[in-house]
Amino acid sequence: MRETYANTIPLDLGVNYSYTDYLSWDFKENLELINGQIFPINSKIDSYHQHISSKILSAMAIFFQNFPYKLLSFPEEIKLVNEKAALYNDNPISIVRPDISITSNGKNIAIQSCNEIPDLIVEIPTTGFSKVEMNKKFNLYEEVGIRE
């Protein structure tokens, strides 16, 4: 399936792309790159999704306020390096944008992205969120060592 983003060249969602490809695109905010595959992000998040996300984020912020954890929320991009994938393909770097993530060490959090493995990720399924995408993300999160 070919998709066009931000009046740029069309991309084939069935082709594997690299992190280098991802960096060259000027429409990164609309996509996630999971083990070389492109997954468009549903840009029309409904109010119910936002309500759930804000409730969870607020509760976590209160709980973790006295601990050295950093909370990040969508659309913060997280760069994950999958060492296992590096053994069998050329696309070991994935970019995901979970609804909420928590990391215990804020030293590697840059302004535009997080370059360390989060301790916890929260994904809130929305309309259009496919089971294939959820399974690929779950497997990626497990492979890179995200604990929760």
Protein backbone atom coordinates (compact mmCIF):
# COMPACT_ATOMS: atom_id res chain seq x y z
CA MET A 1 0.00 0.00 0.00
CA ARG A 2 1.42 3.36 -1.03
CA GLU A 3 0.87 6.43 1.13
CA THR A 4 1.86 10.03 0.56
CA TYR A 5 2.76 12.27 3.48
CA ALA A 6 3.08 16.05 3.63
CA ASN A 7 3.15 16.44 -0.18
CA THR A 8 6.34 14.41 -0.45
CA ILE A 9 7.25 11.26 -2.29
CA PRO A 10 4.92 8.29 -1.82
CA LEU A 11 6.16 5.49 0.42
CA ASP A 12 5.36 1.83 0.15
CA LEU A 13 4.15 0.51 3.51
CA GLY A 14 5.20 -3.00 2.46
CA VAL A 15 8.89 -2.10 2.05
CA ASN A 16 11.51 -2.12 4.82
CA TYR A 17 13.14 1.23 5.53
CA SER A 18 16.20 2.11 7.59
CA TYR A 19 16.74 4.67 10.33
CA THR A 20 18.75 6.66 7.76
CA ASP A 21 15.65 6.76 5.54
CA TYR A 22 13.58 7.91 8.51
CA LEU A 23 15.97 10.77 9.26
CA SER A 24 15.72 11.97 5.66
CA TRP A 25 11.92 12.34 5.76
CA ASP A 26 10.39 15.69 6.61
CA PHE A 27 7.14 14.13 7.86
CA LYS A 28 8.44 11.98 10.73
CA GLU A 29 5.73 13.16 13.12
CA ASN A 30 3.15 11.05 11.25
CA LEU A 31 5.01 7.75 11.42
CA GLU A 32 6.60 5.11 13.58
CA LEU A 33 9.38 2.89 12.26
CA ILE A 34 9.27 -0.58 13.80
CA ASN A 35 11.99 -3.01 12.70
CA GLY A 36 12.09 -1.38 9.27
CA GLN A 37 8.34 -1.20 8.74
CA ILE A 38 6.39 2.06 8.58
CA PHE A 39 3.28 2.46 10.70
CA PRO A 40 1.25 5.64 10.22
CA ILE A 41 0.16 7.28 13.45
CA ASN A 42 -3.52 8.01 13.82
CA SER A 43 -3.46 11.80 13.99
CA LYS A 44 -7.14 12.01 14.92
CA ILE A 45 -7.01 10.93 18.55
CA ASP A 46 -10.46 11.21 20.06
CA SER A 47 -11.32 13.01 23.28
CA TYR A 48 -11.90 9.75 25.15
CA HIS A 49 -8.34 8.65 24.35
CA GLN A 50 -7.00 12.01 25.51
CA HIS A 51 -9.06 11.75 28.71
CA ILE A 52 -7.66 8.30 29.54
CA SER A 53 -4.11 9.36 28.70
CA SER A 54 -4.30 12.50 30.85
CA LYS A 55 -5.74 10.57 33.82
CA ILE A 56 -2.96 7.96 33.64
CA LEU A 57 -0.25 10.59 33.15
CA SER A 58 -1.56 12.68 36.08
CA ALA A 59 -1.65 9.69 38.42
CA MET A 60 1.86 8.64 37.39
CA ALA A 61 3.20 12.18 37.81
CA ILE A 62 1.90 12.26 41.37
CA PHE A 63 3.20 8.78 42.17
CA PHE A 64 6.69 9.38 40.72
CA GLN A 65 7.15 13.00 41.87
CA ASN A 66 9.69 12.09 44.58
CA PHE A 67 11.60 9.58 42.48
CA PRO A 68 14.28 10.18 39.81
CA TYR A 69 11.99 9.18 36.94
CA LYS A 70 11.14 11.17 33.83
CA LEU A 71 7.68 10.91 32.34
CA LEU A 72 7.27 11.52 28.62
CA SER A 73 4.04 11.64 26.67
CA PHE A 74 2.97 11.48 23.04
CA PRO A 75 4.27 12.68 20.59
CA GLU A 76 7.74 12.31 22.14
CA GLU A 77 9.76 10.00 19.90
CA ILE A 78 11.73 7.16 21.45
CA LYS A 79 14.64 5.61 19.59
CA LEU A 80 15.06 1.91 20.39
CA VAL A 81 18.02 -0.19 19.26
CA ASN A 82 17.11 -3.84 18.95
CA GLU A 83 20.35 -5.79 19.35
CA LYS A 84 18.58 -9.04 18.44
CA ALA A 85 17.32 -7.55 15.16
CA ALA A 86 20.84 -6.34 14.33
CA LEU A 87 21.91 -9.98 14.05
CA TYR A 88 19.48 -10.84 11.26
CA ASN A 89 18.61 -7.61 9.44
CA ASP A 90 19.83 -4.12 8.64
CA ASN A 91 17.08 -2.31 10.56
CA PRO A 92 17.92 -2.59 14.25
CA ILE A 93 16.74 0.95 15.06
CA SER A 94 13.06 1.64 15.63
CA ILE A 95 11.26 4.90 16.36
CA VAL A 96 8.09 4.69 18.42
CA ARG A 97 5.78 7.30 19.93
CA PRO A 98 3.98 5.65 22.83
CA ASP A 99 1.25 7.47 24.72
CA ILE A 100 3.29 7.51 27.93
CA SER A 101 6.77 6.33 28.85
CA ILE A 102 8.81 6.40 32.04
CA THR A 103 12.56 6.28 32.23
CA SER A 104 14.63 6.12 35.39
CA ASN A 105 17.60 8.04 34.05
CA GLY A 106 16.97 11.36 32.33
CA LYS A 107 20.58 11.92 31.24
CA ASN A 108 19.99 10.59 27.71
CA ILE A 109 16.74 12.40 27.07
CA ALA A 110 17.26 14.97 24.36
CA ILE A 111 14.90 17.83 23.52
CA GLN A 112 13.39 16.01 20.52
CA SER A 113 13.76 12.36 21.47
CA CYS A 114 14.60 9.82 24.11
CA ASN A 115 17.66 7.68 23.38
CA GLU A 116 17.40 5.25 26.24
CA ILE A 117 15.25 2.23 26.96
CA PRO A 118 12.21 3.25 29.01
CA ASP A 119 11.37 1.28 32.13
CA LEU A 120 7.65 1.38 31.34
CA ILE A 121 5.56 2.17 28.28
CA VAL A 122 1.81 2.77 28.14
CA GLU A 123 0.02 2.30 24.83
CA ILE A 124 -3.67 3.19 24.69
CA PRO A 125 -5.32 1.54 21.67
CA THR A 126 -7.40 3.82 19.48
CA THR A 127 -9.61 3.39 16.46
CA GLY A 128 -7.38 2.32 13.59
CA PHE A 129 -4.70 0.84 15.88
CA SER A 130 -4.12 -2.56 14.27
CA LYS A 131 -3.45 -5.83 16.07
CA VAL A 132 -0.44 -6.32 13.80
CA GLU A 133 1.01 -2.99 14.95
CA MET A 134 0.26 -3.81 18.61
CA ASN A 135 1.94 -7.23 18.31
CA LYS A 136 5.00 -5.78 16.55
CA LYS A 137 5.34 -3.09 19.23
CA PHE A 138 4.87 -5.60 22.05
CA ASN A 139 7.53 -7.89 20.58
CA LEU A 140 9.90 -4.96 20.02
CA TYR A 141 9.41 -3.67 23.57
CA GLU A 142 10.08 -7.15 24.92
CA GLU A 143 13.18 -7.69 22.75
CA VAL A 144 14.83 -4.38 23.70
CA GLY A 145 14.28 -5.00 27.42
CA ILE A 146 11.43 -2.74 28.41
CA ARG A 147 10.34 -4.20 31.73
CA GLU A 148 6.69 -3.16 31.82
